[in-house]
All heavy atoms as atom14 arrays in JSON, in Angstrom:
{
  "sequence": "VTAPIHKEALHAAGSPYPGHTEMLQALAGQDGQPRPVRMMLANEELRT",
  "atom14_mask": [
    [1, 1, 1, 1, 1, 1, 1, 0, 0, 0, 0, 0, 0, 0],
    [1, 1, 1, 1, 1, 1, 1, 0, 0, 0, 0, 0, 0, 0],
    [1, 1, 1, 1, 1, 0, 0, 0, 0, 0, 0, 0, 0, 0],
    [1, 1, 1, 1, 1, 1, 1, 0, 0, 0, 0, 0, 0, 0],
    [1, 1, 1, 1, 1, 1, 1, 1, 0, 0, 0, 0, 0, 0],
    [1, 1, 1, 1, 1, 1, 1, 1, 1, 1, 0, 0, 0, 0],
    [1, 1, 1, 1, 1, 1, 1, 1, 1, 0, 0, 0, 0, 0],
    [1, 1, 1, 1, 1, 1, 1, 1, 1, 0, 0, 0, 0, 0],
    [1, 1, 1, 1, 1, 0, 0, 0, 0, 0, 0, 0, 0, 0],
    [1, 1, 1, 1, 1, 1, 1, 1, 0, 0, 0, 0, 0, 0],
    [1, 1, 1, 1, 1, 1, 1, 1, 1, 1, 0, 0, 0, 0],
    [1, 1, 1, 1, 1, 0, 0, 0, 0, 0, 0, 0, 0, 0],
    [1, 1, 1, 1, 1, 0, 0, 0, 0, 0, 0, 0, 0, 0],
    [1, 1, 1, 1, 0, 0, 0, 0, 0, 0, 0, 0, 0, 0],
    [1, 1, 1, 1, 1, 1, 0, 0, 0, 0, 0, 0, 0, 0],
    [1, 1, 1, 1, 1, 1, 1, 0, 0, 0, 0, 0, 0, 0],
    [1, 1, 1, 1, 1, 1, 1, 1, 1, 1, 1, 1, 0, 0],
    [1, 1, 1, 1, 1, 1, 1, 0, 0, 0, 0, 0, 0, 0],
    [1, 1, 1, 1, 0, 0, 0, 0, 0, 0, 0, 0, 0, 0],
    [1, 1, 1, 1, 1, 1, 1, 1, 1, 1, 0, 0, 0, 0],
    [1, 1, 1, 1, 1, 1, 1, 0, 0, 0, 0, 0, 0, 0],
    [1, 1, 1, 1, 1, 1, 1, 1, 1, 0, 0, 0, 0, 0],
    [1, 1, 1, 1, 1, 1, 1, 1, 0, 0, 0, 0, 0, 0],
    [1, 1, 1, 1, 1, 1, 1, 1, 0, 0, 0, 0, 0, 0],
    [1, 1, 1, 1, 1, 1, 1, 1, 1, 0, 0, 0, 0, 0],
    [1, 1, 1, 1, 1, 0, 0, 0, 0, 0, 0, 0, 0, 0],
    [1, 1, 1, 1, 1, 1, 1, 1, 0, 0, 0, 0, 0, 0],
    [1, 1, 1, 1, 1, 0, 0, 0, 0, 0, 0, 0, 0, 0],
    [1, 1, 1, 1, 0, 0, 0, 0, 0, 0, 0, 0, 0, 0],
    [1, 1, 1, 1, 1, 1, 1, 1, 1, 0, 0, 0, 0, 0],
    [1, 1, 1, 1, 1, 1, 1, 1, 0, 0, 0, 0, 0, 0],
    [1, 1, 1, 1, 0, 0, 0, 0, 0, 0, 0, 0, 0, 0],
    [1, 1, 1, 1, 1, 1, 1, 1, 1, 0, 0, 0, 0, 0],
    [1, 1, 1, 1, 1, 1, 1, 0, 0, 0, 0, 0, 0, 0],
    [1, 1, 1, 1, 1, 1, 1, 1, 1, 1, 1, 0, 0, 0],
    [1, 1, 1, 1, 1, 1, 1, 0, 0, 0, 0, 0, 0, 0],
    [1, 1, 1, 1, 1, 1, 1, 0, 0, 0, 0, 0, 0, 0],
    [1, 1, 1, 1, 1, 1, 1, 1, 1, 1, 1, 0, 0, 0],
    [1, 1, 1, 1, 1, 1, 1, 1, 0, 0, 0, 0, 0, 0],
    [1, 1, 1, 1, 1, 1, 1, 1, 0, 0, 0, 0, 0, 0],
    [1, 1, 1, 1, 1, 1, 1, 1, 0, 0, 0, 0, 0, 0],
    [1, 1, 1, 1, 1, 0, 0, 0, 0, 0, 0, 0, 0, 0],
    [1, 1, 1, 1, 1, 1, 1, 1, 0, 0, 0, 0, 0, 0],
    [1, 1, 1, 1, 1, 1, 1, 1, 1, 0, 0, 0, 0, 0],
    [1, 1, 1, 1, 1, 1, 1, 1, 1, 0, 0, 0, 0, 0],
    [1, 1, 1, 1, 1, 1, 1, 1, 0, 0, 0, 0, 0, 0],
    [1, 1, 1, 1, 1, 1, 1, 1, 1, 1, 1, 0, 0, 0],
    [1, 1, 1, 1, 1, 1, 1, 0, 0, 0, 0, 0, 0, 0]
  ],
  "atom14_positions": [
    [[101.27, 102.49, 124.37], [100.17, 101.66, 123.89], [99.74, 102.23, 122.55], [99.42, 103.42, 122.46], [98.98, 101.67, 124.87], [97.84, 100.8, 124.34], [99.42, 101.21, 126.26], [0.0, 0.0, 0.0], [0.0, 0.0, 0.0], [0.0, 0.0, 0.0], [0.0, 0.0, 0.0], [0.0, 0.0, 0.0], [0.0, 0.0, 0.0], [0.0, 0.0, 0.0]],
    [[99.76, 101.41, 121.51], [99.49, 101.92, 120.17], [98.12, 101.46, 119.69], [97.83, 100.27, 119.67], [100.56, 101.44, 119.16], [100.6, 100.0, 119.16], [101.93, 101.98, 119.53], [0.0, 0.0, 0.0], [0.0, 0.0, 0.0], [0.0, 0.0, 0.0], [0.0, 0.0, 0.0], [0.0, 0.0, 0.0], [0.0, 0.0, 0.0], [0.0, 0.0, 0.0]],
    [[97.28, 102.4, 119.29], [96.03, 102.06, 118.63], [96.34, 101.61, 117.2], [97.41, 101.92, 116.66], [95.08, 103.26, 118.64], [0.0, 0.0, 0.0], [0.0, 0.0, 0.0], [0.0, 0.0, 0.0], [0.0, 0.0, 0.0], [0.0, 0.0, 0.0], [0.0, 0.0, 0.0], [0.0, 0.0, 0.0], [0.0, 0.0, 0.0], [0.0, 0.0, 0.0]],
    [[95.43, 100.9, 116.54], [95.76, 100.28, 115.24], [96.08, 101.29, 114.14], [95.46, 102.34, 114.03], [94.48, 99.5, 114.9], [93.79, 99.3, 116.2], [94.1, 100.51, 117.03], [0.0, 0.0, 0.0], [0.0, 0.0, 0.0], [0.0, 0.0, 0.0], [0.0, 0.0, 0.0], [0.0, 0.0, 0.0], [0.0, 0.0, 0.0], [0.0, 0.0, 0.0]],
    [[97.06, 100.92, 113.32], [97.38, 101.68, 112.11], [97.04, 100.82, 110.9], [96.84, 99.62, 111.01], [98.86, 102.1, 112.07], [99.78, 100.86, 112.1], [99.18, 103.04, 113.21], [101.26, 101.2, 111.94], [0.0, 0.0, 0.0], [0.0, 0.0, 0.0], [0.0, 0.0, 0.0], [0.0, 0.0, 0.0], [0.0, 0.0, 0.0], [0.0, 0.0, 0.0]],
    [[96.97, 101.48, 109.74], [96.66, 100.77, 108.49], [97.92, 100.76, 107.63], [98.47, 101.81, 107.3], [95.51, 101.45, 107.76], [94.86, 100.58, 106.74], [95.44, 100.32, 105.52], [93.68, 99.9, 106.76], [94.64, 99.52, 104.81], [93.58, 99.24, 105.55], [0.0, 0.0, 0.0], [0.0, 0.0, 0.0], [0.0, 0.0, 0.0], [0.0, 0.0, 0.0]],
    [[98.35, 99.57, 107.26], [99.62, 99.43, 106.55], [99.59, 100.1, 105.18], [100.6, 100.65, 104.71], [100.01, 97.96, 106.46], [100.34, 97.35, 107.82], [100.62, 95.87, 107.74], [101.02, 95.31, 109.1], [99.98, 95.53, 110.14], [0.0, 0.0, 0.0], [0.0, 0.0, 0.0], [0.0, 0.0, 0.0], [0.0, 0.0, 0.0], [0.0, 0.0, 0.0]],
    [[98.45, 100.05, 104.49], [98.36, 100.72, 103.18], [98.47, 102.23, 103.34], [99.1, 102.91, 102.51], [97.05, 100.36, 102.49], [96.99, 98.94, 101.95], [95.71, 98.7, 101.18], [95.36, 99.51, 100.31], [95.04, 97.68, 101.46], [0.0, 0.0, 0.0], [0.0, 0.0, 0.0], [0.0, 0.0, 0.0], [0.0, 0.0, 0.0], [0.0, 0.0, 0.0]],
    [[97.84, 102.78, 104.36], [97.93, 104.22, 104.59], [99.35, 104.62, 104.96], [99.85, 105.67, 104.52], [96.96, 104.62, 105.7], [0.0, 0.0, 0.0], [0.0, 0.0, 0.0], [0.0, 0.0, 0.0], [0.0, 0.0, 0.0], [0.0, 0.0, 0.0], [0.0, 0.0, 0.0], [0.0, 0.0, 0.0], [0.0, 0.0, 0.0], [0.0, 0.0, 0.0]],
    [[100.01, 103.79, 105.74], [101.4, 104.05, 106.09], [102.26, 104.07, 104.83], [103.1, 104.96, 104.64], [101.87, 102.97, 107.06], [103.03, 103.28, 108.0], [102.64, 104.38, 108.97], [103.42, 102.02, 108.77], [0.0, 0.0, 0.0], [0.0, 0.0, 0.0], [0.0, 0.0, 0.0], [0.0, 0.0, 0.0], [0.0, 0.0, 0.0], [0.0, 0.0, 0.0]],
    [[102.04, 103.09, 103.96], [102.78, 103.02, 102.7], [102.47, 104.23, 101.82], [103.38, 104.8, 101.19], [102.45, 101.72, 101.97], [103.15, 101.56, 100.67], [104.5, 101.24, 100.58], [102.71, 101.68, 99.39], [104.85, 101.18, 99.3], [103.78, 101.43, 98.57], [0.0, 0.0, 0.0], [0.0, 0.0, 0.0], [0.0, 0.0, 0.0], [0.0, 0.0, 0.0]],
    [[101.19, 104.61, 101.76], [100.81, 105.76, 100.93], [101.46, 107.05, 101.41], [101.69, 107.97, 100.62], [99.28, 105.91, 100.93], [0.0, 0.0, 0.0], [0.0, 0.0, 0.0], [0.0, 0.0, 0.0], [0.0, 0.0, 0.0], [0.0, 0.0, 0.0], [0.0, 0.0, 0.0], [0.0, 0.0, 0.0], [0.0, 0.0, 0.0], [0.0, 0.0, 0.0]],
    [[101.76, 107.11, 102.7], [102.41, 108.3, 103.26], [103.91, 108.3, 103.03], [104.6, 109.26, 103.41], [102.11, 108.38, 104.76], [0.0, 0.0, 0.0], [0.0, 0.0, 0.0], [0.0, 0.0, 0.0], [0.0, 0.0, 0.0], [0.0, 0.0, 0.0], [0.0, 0.0, 0.0], [0.0, 0.0, 0.0], [0.0, 0.0, 0.0], [0.0, 0.0, 0.0]],
    [[104.42, 107.23, 102.43], [105.85, 107.16, 102.15], [106.69, 106.54, 103.25], [107.93, 106.59, 103.2], [0.0, 0.0, 0.0], [0.0, 0.0, 0.0], [0.0, 0.0, 0.0], [0.0, 0.0, 0.0], [0.0, 0.0, 0.0], [0.0, 0.0, 0.0], [0.0, 0.0, 0.0], [0.0, 0.0, 0.0], [0.0, 0.0, 0.0], [0.0, 0.0, 0.0]],
    [[106.04, 105.92, 104.23], [106.8, 105.29, 105.31], [107.48, 104.03, 104.79], [106.87, 103.24, 104.06], [105.87, 104.93, 106.47], [106.56, 104.16, 107.44], [0.0, 0.0, 0.0], [0.0, 0.0, 0.0], [0.0, 0.0, 0.0], [0.0, 0.0, 0.0], [0.0, 0.0, 0.0], [0.0, 0.0, 0.0], [0.0, 0.0, 0.0], [0.0, 0.0, 0.0]],
    [[108.73, 103.79, 105.16], [109.43, 102.59, 104.71], [109.11, 101.35, 105.55], [109.62, 100.27, 105.24], [110.9, 102.96, 104.88], [110.91, 103.92, 106.04], [109.62, 104.69, 105.93], [0.0, 0.0, 0.0], [0.0, 0.0, 0.0], [0.0, 0.0, 0.0], [0.0, 0.0, 0.0], [0.0, 0.0, 0.0], [0.0, 0.0, 0.0], [0.0, 0.0, 0.0]],
    [[108.26, 101.5, 106.56], [108.02, 100.4, 107.49], [106.68, 99.73, 107.19], [105.68, 100.4, 106.96], [108.02, 100.91, 108.93], [109.26, 101.69, 109.26], [109.2, 103.07, 109.49], [110.5, 101.07, 109.34], [110.33, 103.8, 109.79], [111.65, 101.8, 109.63], [111.55, 103.16, 109.86], [112.68, 103.88, 110.14], [0.0, 0.0, 0.0], [0.0, 0.0, 0.0]],
    [[106.64, 98.4, 107.23], [105.38, 97.7, 106.96], [104.42, 97.69, 108.14], [103.25, 97.32, 107.98], [105.83, 96.28, 106.63], [107.12, 96.12, 107.34], [107.77, 97.47, 107.33], [0.0, 0.0, 0.0], [0.0, 0.0, 0.0], [0.0, 0.0, 0.0], [0.0, 0.0, 0.0], [0.0, 0.0, 0.0], [0.0, 0.0, 0.0], [0.0, 0.0, 0.0]],
    [[104.86, 98.09, 109.33], [103.98, 98.07, 110.48], [104.64, 98.65, 111.71], [105.77, 99.15, 111.67], [0.0, 0.0, 0.0], [0.0, 0.0, 0.0], [0.0, 0.0, 0.0], [0.0, 0.0, 0.0], [0.0, 0.0, 0.0], [0.0, 0.0, 0.0], [0.0, 0.0, 0.0], [0.0, 0.0, 0.0], [0.0, 0.0, 0.0], [0.0, 0.0, 0.0]],
    [[103.88, 98.61, 112.83], [104.36, 99.14, 114.09], [105.69, 98.52, 114.51], [106.62, 99.23, 114.92], [103.33, 98.82, 115.19], [102.29, 99.86, 115.39], [100.94, 99.57, 115.33], [102.37, 101.17, 115.68], [100.25, 100.66, 115.57], [101.08, 101.64, 115.79], [0.0, 0.0, 0.0], [0.0, 0.0, 0.0], [0.0, 0.0, 0.0], [0.0, 0.0, 0.0]],
    [[105.76, 97.2, 114.47], [106.92, 96.5, 115.02], [108.21, 96.94, 114.36], [109.21, 97.25, 115.03], [106.73, 94.98, 114.89], [105.51, 94.59, 115.53], [107.89, 94.23, 115.55], [0.0, 0.0, 0.0], [0.0, 0.0, 0.0], [0.0, 0.0, 0.0], [0.0, 0.0, 0.0], [0.0, 0.0, 0.0], [0.0, 0.0, 0.0], [0.0, 0.0, 0.0]],
    [[108.19, 97.0, 113.04], [109.39, 97.39, 112.31], [109.75, 98.86, 112.55], [110.93, 99.22, 112.64], [109.2, 97.12, 110.82], [109.06, 95.64, 110.46], [107.64, 95.1, 110.65], [106.74, 95.88, 111.08], [107.42, 93.91, 110.39], [0.0, 0.0, 0.0], [0.0, 0.0, 0.0], [0.0, 0.0, 0.0], [0.0, 0.0, 0.0], [0.0, 0.0, 0.0]],
    [[108.75, 99.72, 112.67], [109.01, 101.12, 112.95], [109.63, 101.3, 114.33], [110.64, 102.01, 114.5], [107.71, 101.93, 112.86], [107.91, 103.43, 113.07], [106.35, 104.36, 113.1], [105.71, 103.94, 111.49], [0.0, 0.0, 0.0], [0.0, 0.0, 0.0], [0.0, 0.0, 0.0], [0.0, 0.0, 0.0], [0.0, 0.0, 0.0], [0.0, 0.0, 0.0]],
    [[109.07, 100.63, 115.31], [109.61, 100.73, 116.66], [111.0, 100.12, 116.76], [111.86, 100.61, 117.5], [108.65, 100.05, 117.64], [107.31, 100.76, 117.83], [106.33, 99.86, 118.56], [107.48, 102.08, 118.56], [0.0, 0.0, 0.0], [0.0, 0.0, 0.0], [0.0, 0.0, 0.0], [0.0, 0.0, 0.0], [0.0, 0.0, 0.0], [0.0, 0.0, 0.0]],
    [[111.23, 99.05, 116.01], [112.55, 98.43, 115.96], [113.58, 99.44, 115.49], [114.68, 99.53, 116.05], [112.5, 97.23, 115.02], [113.79, 96.46, 114.89], [113.64, 95.29, 113.93], [112.81, 95.31, 113.04], [114.46, 94.26, 114.13], [0.0, 0.0, 0.0], [0.0, 0.0, 0.0], [0.0, 0.0, 0.0], [0.0, 0.0, 0.0], [0.0, 0.0, 0.0]],
    [[113.24, 100.21, 114.46], [114.17, 101.22, 113.94], [114.33, 102.39, 114.91], [115.44, 102.87, 115.15], [113.67, 101.72, 112.59], [0.0, 0.0, 0.0], [0.0, 0.0, 0.0], [0.0, 0.0, 0.0], [0.0, 0.0, 0.0], [0.0, 0.0, 0.0], [0.0, 0.0, 0.0], [0.0, 0.0, 0.0], [0.0, 0.0, 0.0], [0.0, 0.0, 0.0]],
    [[113.21, 102.85, 115.49], [113.27, 103.98, 116.41], [114.07, 103.67, 117.67], [114.68, 104.55, 118.27], [111.86, 104.42, 116.79], [111.02, 105.06, 115.68], [109.58, 105.27, 116.15], [111.63, 106.39, 115.24], [0.0, 0.0, 0.0], [0.0, 0.0, 0.0], [0.0, 0.0, 0.0], [0.0, 0.0, 0.0], [0.0, 0.0, 0.0], [0.0, 0.0, 0.0]],
    [[114.09, 102.39, 118.05], [114.8, 101.98, 119.25], [116.24, 101.57, 118.96], [116.98, 101.21, 119.89], [114.07, 100.82, 119.94], [0.0, 0.0, 0.0], [0.0, 0.0, 0.0], [0.0, 0.0, 0.0], [0.0, 0.0, 0.0], [0.0, 0.0, 0.0], [0.0, 0.0, 0.0], [0.0, 0.0, 0.0], [0.0, 0.0, 0.0], [0.0, 0.0, 0.0]],
    [[116.65, 101.62, 117.7], [117.98, 101.18, 117.33], [119.07, 102.12, 117.81], [118.82, 103.23, 118.27], [0.0, 0.0, 0.0], [0.0, 0.0, 0.0], [0.0, 0.0, 0.0], [0.0, 0.0, 0.0], [0.0, 0.0, 0.0], [0.0, 0.0, 0.0], [0.0, 0.0, 0.0], [0.0, 0.0, 0.0], [0.0, 0.0, 0.0], [0.0, 0.0, 0.0]],
    [[120.28, 101.65, 117.69], [121.45, 102.43, 118.08], [122.45, 102.44, 116.95], [122.7, 101.42, 116.31], [122.1, 101.85, 119.34], [121.22, 101.93, 120.59], [121.9, 101.34, 121.81], [122.73, 100.45, 121.71], [121.56, 101.85, 122.98], [0.0, 0.0, 0.0], [0.0, 0.0, 0.0], [0.0, 0.0, 0.0], [0.0, 0.0, 0.0], [0.0, 0.0, 0.0]],
    [[123.02, 103.63, 116.7], [124.04, 103.8, 115.66], [123.54, 103.3, 114.3], [124.3, 102.7, 113.52], [125.33, 103.06, 116.04], [125.92, 103.56, 117.35], [125.84, 104.78, 117.59], [126.45, 102.75, 118.12], [0.0, 0.0, 0.0], [0.0, 0.0, 0.0], [0.0, 0.0, 0.0], [0.0, 0.0, 0.0], [0.0, 0.0, 0.0], [0.0, 0.0, 0.0]],
    [[122.26, 103.52, 114.03], [121.7, 103.14, 112.75], [121.36, 101.67, 112.61], [120.89, 101.24, 111.55], [0.0, 0.0, 0.0], [0.0, 0.0, 0.0], [0.0, 0.0, 0.0], [0.0, 0.0, 0.0], [0.0, 0.0, 0.0], [0.0, 0.0, 0.0], [0.0, 0.0, 0.0], [0.0, 0.0, 0.0], [0.0, 0.0, 0.0], [0.0, 0.0, 0.0]],
    [[121.59, 100.9, 113.67], [121.31, 99.47, 113.62], [119.99, 99.18, 114.33], [119.82, 99.54, 115.49], [122.43, 98.68, 114.3], [123.76, 98.8, 113.59], [123.72, 98.26, 112.16], [123.19, 97.18, 111.9], [124.25, 99.03, 111.23], [0.0, 0.0, 0.0], [0.0, 0.0, 0.0], [0.0, 0.0, 0.0], [0.0, 0.0, 0.0], [0.0, 0.0, 0.0]],
    [[119.02, 98.52, 113.64], [117.75, 98.21, 114.3], [117.94, 97.22, 115.43], [118.82, 96.35, 115.38], [116.91, 97.62, 113.16], [117.89, 97.11, 112.16], [119.06, 98.04, 112.25], [0.0, 0.0, 0.0], [0.0, 0.0, 0.0], [0.0, 0.0, 0.0], [0.0, 0.0, 0.0], [0.0, 0.0, 0.0], [0.0, 0.0, 0.0], [0.0, 0.0, 0.0]],
    [[117.13, 97.34, 116.44], [117.2, 96.47, 117.6], [116.45, 95.18, 117.3], [115.36, 95.21, 116.74], [116.58, 97.19, 118.8], [116.81, 96.53, 120.14], [116.15, 97.35, 121.23], [116.39, 96.79, 122.55], [117.35, 97.2, 123.36], [118.16, 98.16, 122.97], [117.51, 96.65, 124.55], [0.0, 0.0, 0.0], [0.0, 0.0, 0.0], [0.0, 0.0, 0.0]],
    [[117.0, 94.02, 117.66], [116.26, 92.76, 117.44], [115.04, 92.69, 118.35], [115.16, 92.76, 119.58], [117.28, 91.67, 117.77], [118.28, 92.34, 118.66], [118.33, 93.77, 118.24], [0.0, 0.0, 0.0], [0.0, 0.0, 0.0], [0.0, 0.0, 0.0], [0.0, 0.0, 0.0], [0.0, 0.0, 0.0], [0.0, 0.0, 0.0], [0.0, 0.0, 0.0]],
    [[113.87, 92.58, 117.76], [112.64, 92.52, 118.53], [111.79, 91.36, 118.01], [112.01, 90.84, 116.91], [111.83, 93.83, 118.44], [112.64, 95.01, 118.97], [111.37, 94.1, 117.01], [0.0, 0.0, 0.0], [0.0, 0.0, 0.0], [0.0, 0.0, 0.0], [0.0, 0.0, 0.0], [0.0, 0.0, 0.0], [0.0, 0.0, 0.0], [0.0, 0.0, 0.0]],
    [[110.81, 90.97, 118.8], [109.86, 89.94, 118.4], [108.46, 90.35, 118.86], [108.3, 91.11, 119.8], [110.23, 88.57, 119.01], [111.53, 87.98, 118.5], [111.51, 87.66, 117.02], [112.7, 86.94, 116.59], [113.81, 87.51, 116.16], [113.91, 88.84, 116.13], [114.84, 86.77, 115.76], [0.0, 0.0, 0.0], [0.0, 0.0, 0.0], [0.0, 0.0, 0.0]],
    [[107.49, 89.77, 118.2], [106.08, 90.05, 118.5], [105.49, 88.92, 119.33], [105.64, 87.75, 118.99], [105.31, 90.18, 117.18], [103.83, 90.4, 117.31], [103.11, 90.55, 115.64], [101.37, 90.66, 116.06], [0.0, 0.0, 0.0], [0.0, 0.0, 0.0], [0.0, 0.0, 0.0], [0.0, 0.0, 0.0], [0.0, 0.0, 0.0], [0.0, 0.0, 0.0]],
    [[104.85, 89.29, 120.44], [104.13, 88.32, 121.25], [102.66, 88.71, 121.29], [102.33, 89.89, 121.51], [104.66, 88.26, 122.68], [103.89, 87.26, 123.56], [104.55, 87.05, 125.24], [103.9, 88.53, 126.02], [0.0, 0.0, 0.0], [0.0, 0.0, 0.0], [0.0, 0.0, 0.0], [0.0, 0.0, 0.0], [0.0, 0.0, 0.0], [0.0, 0.0, 0.0]],
    [[101.79, 87.76, 121.06], [100.36, 87.97, 121.24], [99.92, 87.13, 122.42], [100.27, 85.94, 122.51], [99.58, 87.58, 119.98], [98.24, 88.29, 119.8], [98.44, 89.78, 119.65], [97.52, 87.75, 118.57], [0.0, 0.0, 0.0], [0.0, 0.0, 0.0], [0.0, 0.0, 0.0], [0.0, 0.0, 0.0], [0.0, 0.0, 0.0], [0.0, 0.0, 0.0]],
    [[99.18, 87.74, 123.33], [98.85, 87.05, 124.57], [97.43, 87.36, 125.01], [96.91, 88.46, 124.78], [99.82, 87.47, 125.68], [0.0, 0.0, 0.0], [0.0, 0.0, 0.0], [0.0, 0.0, 0.0], [0.0, 0.0, 0.0], [0.0, 0.0, 0.0], [0.0, 0.0, 0.0], [0.0, 0.0, 0.0], [0.0, 0.0, 0.0], [0.0, 0.0, 0.0]],
    [[96.79, 86.38, 125.62], [95.55, 86.6, 126.34], [95.62, 85.76, 127.62], [96.69, 85.29, 127.99], [94.33, 86.26, 125.47], [94.35, 84.83, 124.95], [94.89, 83.92, 125.58], [93.75, 84.61, 123.79], [0.0, 0.0, 0.0], [0.0, 0.0, 0.0], [0.0, 0.0, 0.0], [0.0, 0.0, 0.0], [0.0, 0.0, 0.0], [0.0, 0.0, 0.0]],
    [[94.51, 85.59, 128.3], [94.52, 84.87, 129.57], [94.81, 83.38, 129.41], [95.15, 82.7, 130.37], [93.19, 85.07, 130.29], [92.92, 86.5, 130.73], [93.96, 87.03, 131.69], [94.41, 86.24, 132.55], [94.33, 88.21, 131.58], [0.0, 0.0, 0.0], [0.0, 0.0, 0.0], [0.0, 0.0, 0.0], [0.0, 0.0, 0.0], [0.0, 0.0, 0.0]],
    [[94.67, 82.85, 128.19], [94.8, 81.41, 127.98], [96.06, 80.99, 127.23], [96.47, 79.85, 127.32], [93.59, 80.9, 127.2], [92.26, 81.11, 127.89], [91.11, 80.55, 127.08], [90.95, 79.32, 127.04], [90.4, 81.35, 126.46], [0.0, 0.0, 0.0], [0.0, 0.0, 0.0], [0.0, 0.0, 0.0], [0.0, 0.0, 0.0], [0.0, 0.0, 0.0]],
    [[96.66, 81.91, 126.47], [97.72, 81.49, 125.56], [98.65, 82.66, 125.27], [98.22, 83.81, 125.18], [97.08, 81.0, 124.25], [97.96, 80.31, 123.22], [98.55, 79.02, 123.79], [97.12, 79.98, 121.97], [0.0, 0.0, 0.0], [0.0, 0.0, 0.0], [0.0, 0.0, 0.0], [0.0, 0.0, 0.0], [0.0, 0.0, 0.0], [0.0, 0.0, 0.0]],
    [[99.94, 82.34, 125.13], [100.94, 83.31, 124.68], [101.7, 82.7, 123.52], [102.11, 81.53, 123.59], [101.94, 83.65, 125.8], [101.34, 84.24, 127.04], [102.38, 84.39, 128.15], [101.72, 84.6, 129.43], [101.31, 83.61, 130.21], [101.54, 82.34, 129.86], [100.69, 83.87, 131.35], [0.0, 0.0, 0.0], [0.0, 0.0, 0.0], [0.0, 0.0, 0.0]],
    [[101.94, 83.5, 122.5], [102.73, 83.01, 121.38], [103.69, 84.09, 120.91], [103.34, 85.28, 120.89], [101.83, 82.53, 120.22], [102.61, 81.98, 119.18], [100.98, 83.67, 119.68], [0.0, 0.0, 0.0], [0.0, 0.0, 0.0], [0.0, 0.0, 0.0], [0.0, 0.0, 0.0], [0.0, 0.0, 0.0], [0.0, 0.0, 0.0], [0.0, 0.0, 0.0]]
  ]
}
């Protein structure tokens, strides 16, 4: 479970990733290839 990060701070630190999703995609990759992932936002009424 990830608490919020700030994309500008991540960039200022030299990270090549624009956000959590892309970083996790790379960390979960195999043989240097990022894993295909998608973002879902959900609550009790709607999922997208």
